[in-house]
Amino acid sequence: MRLELTGRQVEITPILRKKVEKKLAKLDRLLKGGIVSVQAVLAQEKYMRRAEITVHTTLLTLALDILMLLALSDRDVRAWTRARKPLP
């Protein structure tokens, strides 16, 4: 399995790389060793962390976008929601 790991506003440390590899090994076991390559982009913004992961297998391609909001007050959540509202 080939892993391409990119960090945006995040330093990719050896510990972080090992953690990602460990989680992907679990997924690889579930898919019975069918993972060919993985591209992962880890990003940190003001109030959130995001992981965009694309997994290429022998049969299909999975695209995952994982978003984790950090502890926010109600006021911060409203401001974040307004900023992320899609344009019509």
Protein backbone atom coordinates (compact mmCIF):
# COMPACT_ATOMS: atom_id res chain seq x y z
CA MET A 1 0.00 0.00 0.00
CA ARG A 2 1.39 3.37 -1.04
CA LEU A 3 0.59 6.29 1.30
CA GLU A 4 0.82 9.95 0.27
CA LEU A 5 0.36 12.15 3.34
CA THR A 6 0.09 15.96 3.10
CA GLY A 7 -0.36 18.51 5.88
CA ARG A 8 -1.95 21.94 5.52
CA GLN A 9 -1.19 24.09 8.55
CA VAL A 10 -0.20 20.77 10.19
CA GLU A 11 3.26 19.33 10.62
CA ILE A 12 3.37 15.65 9.68
CA THR A 13 5.42 14.16 12.50
CA PRO A 14 6.58 10.53 12.56
CA ILE A 15 4.07 9.83 15.36
CA LEU A 16 1.19 11.26 13.30
CA ARG A 17 2.30 9.30 10.22
CA LYS A 18 2.45 6.08 12.28
CA LYS A 19 -1.06 6.70 13.67
CA VAL A 20 -2.48 7.20 10.17
CA GLU A 21 -0.71 4.05 8.95
CA LYS A 22 -2.14 2.07 11.88
CA LYS A 23 -5.71 3.20 11.12
CA LEU A 24 -5.28 2.43 7.42
CA ALA A 25 -3.94 -1.04 8.27
CA LYS A 26 -7.28 -1.76 10.00
CA LEU A 27 -9.15 -0.63 6.89
CA ASP A 28 -6.86 -2.74 4.72
CA ARG A 29 -7.70 -5.82 6.83
CA LEU A 30 -11.43 -5.12 6.38
CA LEU A 31 -10.96 -4.85 2.63
CA LYS A 32 -8.89 -8.08 2.64
CA GLY A 33 -5.68 -6.41 1.48
CA GLY A 34 -7.25 -4.72 -1.52
CA ILE A 35 -5.92 -1.20 -0.90
CA VAL A 36 -3.54 -0.10 -3.65
CA SER A 37 -2.85 3.51 -2.61
CA VAL A 38 -4.07 6.21 -0.23
CA GLN A 39 -3.88 9.99 -0.46
CA ALA A 40 -4.55 11.82 2.79
CA VAL A 41 -4.62 15.57 3.38
CA LEU A 42 -4.70 16.69 7.01
CA ALA A 43 -5.70 20.32 7.55
CA GLN A 44 -6.13 22.63 10.52
CA GLU A 45 -8.26 25.75 10.34
CA LYS A 46 -9.32 28.15 13.04
CA TYR A 47 -12.03 26.01 14.67
CA MET A 48 -11.74 22.67 12.96
CA ARG A 49 -9.55 19.85 11.82
CA ARG A 50 -10.21 18.08 8.57
CA ALA A 51 -8.96 14.90 6.95
CA GLU A 52 -9.60 14.35 3.26
CA ILE A 53 -8.79 10.74 2.41
CA THR A 54 -8.95 9.01 -0.96
CA VAL A 55 -8.50 5.24 -0.91
CA HIS A 56 -7.84 3.42 -4.19
CA THR A 57 -8.64 -0.30 -4.05
CA THR A 58 -8.54 -3.02 -6.64
CA LEU A 59 -12.32 -2.70 -7.13
CA LEU A 60 -13.29 0.90 -6.31
CA THR A 61 -12.20 4.31 -5.07
CA LEU A 62 -13.45 5.70 -1.76
CA ALA A 63 -13.36 9.43 -1.00
CA LEU A 64 -13.83 10.44 2.63
CA ASP A 65 -14.00 13.91 4.13
CA ILE A 66 -13.76 13.82 7.91
CA LEU A 67 -14.47 17.04 9.79
CA MET A 68 -13.88 17.55 13.49
CA LEU A 69 -15.07 20.75 15.09
CA LEU A 70 -13.11 21.81 18.09
CA ALA A 71 -14.88 22.93 21.24
CA LEU A 72 -16.87 25.98 20.21
CA SER A 73 -19.26 28.28 21.99
CA ASP A 74 -22.73 28.79 20.47
CA ARG A 75 -21.65 32.17 19.14
CA ASP A 76 -18.60 30.67 17.42
CA VAL A 77 -20.72 27.91 15.88
CA ARG A 78 -23.13 30.46 14.38
CA ALA A 79 -20.23 32.49 12.97
CA TRP A 80 -18.61 29.35 11.54
CA THR A 81 -21.91 28.25 9.95
CA ARG A 82 -22.46 31.65 8.34
CA ALA A 83 -18.93 31.61 6.93
CA ARG A 84 -19.45 28.13 5.43
CA LYS A 85 -22.90 28.73 3.94
CA PRO A 86 -22.86 27.74 0.23
CA LEU A 87 -23.54 30.37 -2.37
CA PRO A 88 -26.91 30.09 -4.19
